[in-house]
Amino acid sequence: MFEIGKSYTIYEIDGEGLGFHSATVLDWQPPLLKVSHPNGGYAVHNTASQYFHRAELNERVEQGKFDVESLLA
């Protein structure tokens, strides 16, 4: 499901609702997902937890380019 080295947006439910951050996958041992933490270091997410909502691959970042016209549309 997750590819090491790829960037994902991680969505989790916290005390204030749905939060998210972008991170790069460091390791994937289901159901544990180890990612780089936006503030440095790393974080481990339990993808089977009721607080883990979803993760989306950051495809534009992975492609290394942006389609400016689609961003402006």
C-alpha atoms as a PDB file:
ATOM      1  CA  MET A   1       0.000   0.000   0.000  1.00  0.00           C
ATOM      2  CA  PHE A   2       2.802   2.450   0.873  1.00  0.00           C
ATOM      3  CA  GLU A   3       6.078   2.860  -0.999  1.00  0.00           C
ATOM      4  CA  ILE A   4       9.257   3.698   0.884  1.00  0.00           C
ATOM      5  CA  GLY A   5      10.720   7.013  -0.247  1.00  0.00           C
ATOM      6  CA  LYS A   6       7.423   8.390  -1.569  1.00  0.00           C
ATOM      7  CA  SER A   7       5.699  11.467  -0.136  1.00  0.00           C
ATOM      8  CA  TYR A   8       2.152  11.195   1.239  1.00  0.00           C
ATOM      9  CA  THR A   9      -0.326  13.498   2.920  1.00  0.00           C
ATOM     10  CA  ILE A  10      -1.358  11.781   6.162  1.00  0.00           C
ATOM     11  CA  TYR A  11      -4.828  12.549   7.586  1.00  0.00           C
ATOM     12  CA  GLU A  12      -5.586  11.751  11.232  1.00  0.00           C
ATOM     13  CA  ILE A  13      -8.369  12.565  13.640  1.00  0.00           C
ATOM     14  CA  ASP A  14      -7.170  14.488  16.686  1.00  0.00           C
ATOM     15  CA  GLY A  15      -8.827  16.419  19.510  1.00  0.00           C
ATOM     16  CA  GLU A  16      -9.613  19.319  17.181  1.00  0.00           C
ATOM     17  CA  GLY A  17     -10.977  17.334  14.222  1.00  0.00           C
ATOM     18  CA  LEU A  18      -9.190  16.166  11.099  1.00  0.00           C
ATOM     19  CA  GLY A  19      -5.545  17.180  10.835  1.00  0.00           C
ATOM     20  CA  PHE A  20      -3.001  16.465   8.137  1.00  0.00           C
ATOM     21  CA  HIS A  21       0.661  16.783   7.229  1.00  0.00           C
ATOM     22  CA  SER A  22       2.952  15.697   4.419  1.00  0.00           C
ATOM     23  CA  ALA A  23       5.633  13.130   5.117  1.00  0.00           C
ATOM     24  CA  THR A  24       7.993  10.749   3.361  1.00  0.00           C
ATOM     25  CA  VAL A  25       7.658   7.029   4.085  1.00  0.00           C
ATOM     26  CA  LEU A  26      10.730   5.638   5.857  1.00  0.00           C
ATOM     27  CA  ASP A  27       9.380   2.137   6.588  1.00  0.00           C
ATOM     28  CA  TRP A  28       6.153   0.164   6.149  1.00  0.00           C
ATOM     29  CA  GLN A  29       5.529  -2.868   8.352  1.00  0.00           C
ATOM     30  CA  PRO A  30       1.706  -3.234   8.316  1.00  0.00           C
ATOM     31  CA  PRO A  31      -0.069  -1.789  10.168  1.00  0.00           C
ATOM     32  CA  LEU A  32       2.809   0.478  11.295  1.00  0.00           C
ATOM     33  CA  LEU A  33       3.859   3.313   9.016  1.00  0.00           C
ATOM     34  CA  LYS A  34       7.108   5.125   9.855  1.00  0.00           C
ATOM     35  CA  VAL A  35       7.366   8.556   8.216  1.00  0.00           C
ATOM     36  CA  SER A  36       9.562  11.612   8.386  1.00  0.00           C
ATOM     37  CA  HIS A  37       8.058  14.159  10.766  1.00  0.00           C
ATOM     38  CA  PRO A  38       7.498  17.706   9.478  1.00  0.00           C
ATOM     39  CA  ASN A  39       9.352  19.119  12.513  1.00  0.00           C
ATOM     40  CA  GLY A  40      12.306  16.744  12.155  1.00  0.00           C
ATOM     41  CA  GLY A  41      12.854  13.177  13.241  1.00  0.00           C
ATOM     42  CA  TYR A  42      10.167  10.622  12.499  1.00  0.00           C
ATOM     43  CA  ALA A  43       6.688   9.516  13.555  1.00  0.00           C
ATOM     44  CA  VAL A  44       5.066   6.082  13.577  1.00  0.00           C
ATOM     45  CA  HIS A  45       1.395   5.848  12.631  1.00  0.00           C
ATOM     46  CA  ASN A  46      -0.773   2.810  13.320  1.00  0.00           C
ATOM     47  CA  THR A  47      -2.865   2.600  10.152  1.00  0.00           C
ATOM     48  CA  ALA A  48      -5.301   0.236  11.931  1.00  0.00           C
ATOM     49  CA  SER A  49      -6.037   2.864  14.578  1.00  0.00           C
ATOM     50  CA  GLN A  50      -9.426   4.559  14.724  1.00  0.00           C
ATOM     51  CA  TYR A  51      -7.555   7.887  14.547  1.00  0.00           C
ATOM     52  CA  PHE A  52      -5.839   7.161  11.233  1.00  0.00           C
ATOM     53  CA  HIS A  53      -8.176   8.481   8.527  1.00  0.00           C
ATOM     54  CA  ARG A  54      -6.310   8.116   5.216  1.00  0.00           C
ATOM     55  CA  ALA A  55      -3.117   8.810   3.282  1.00  0.00           C
ATOM     56  CA  GLU A  56      -2.819  10.221  -0.235  1.00  0.00           C
ATOM     57  CA  LEU A  57       0.214   9.997  -2.483  1.00  0.00           C
ATOM     58  CA  ASN A  58       1.588  13.444  -3.312  1.00  0.00           C
ATOM     59  CA  GLU A  59       1.777  12.738  -7.035  1.00  0.00           C
ATOM     60  CA  ARG A  60       2.753  16.233  -8.183  1.00  0.00           C
ATOM     61  CA  VAL A  61       5.719  16.253  -5.835  1.00  0.00           C
ATOM     62  CA  GLU A  62       6.684  12.749  -6.973  1.00  0.00           C
ATOM     63  CA  GLN A  63       6.602  13.781 -10.628  1.00  0.00           C
ATOM     64  CA  GLY A  64       8.931  16.690  -9.867  1.00  0.00           C
ATOM     65  CA  LYS A  65       6.843  19.193 -11.791  1.00  0.00           C
ATOM     66  CA  PHE A  66       3.708  21.260 -11.433  1.00  0.00           C
ATOM     67  CA  ASP A  67       1.018  21.960 -13.979  1.00  0.00           C
ATOM     68  CA  VAL A  68       0.604  25.718 -13.382  1.00  0.00           C
ATOM     69  CA  GLU A  69      -2.512  25.997 -15.548  1.00  0.00           C
ATOM     70  CA  SER A  70      -4.365  23.343 -13.515  1.00  0.00           C
ATOM     71  CA  LEU A  71      -3.437  25.178 -10.304  1.00  0.00           C
ATOM     72  CA  LEU A  72      -4.879  28.429 -11.663  1.00  0.00           C
ATOM     73  CA  ALA A  73      -8.088  26.838 -13.016  1.00  0.00           C
END
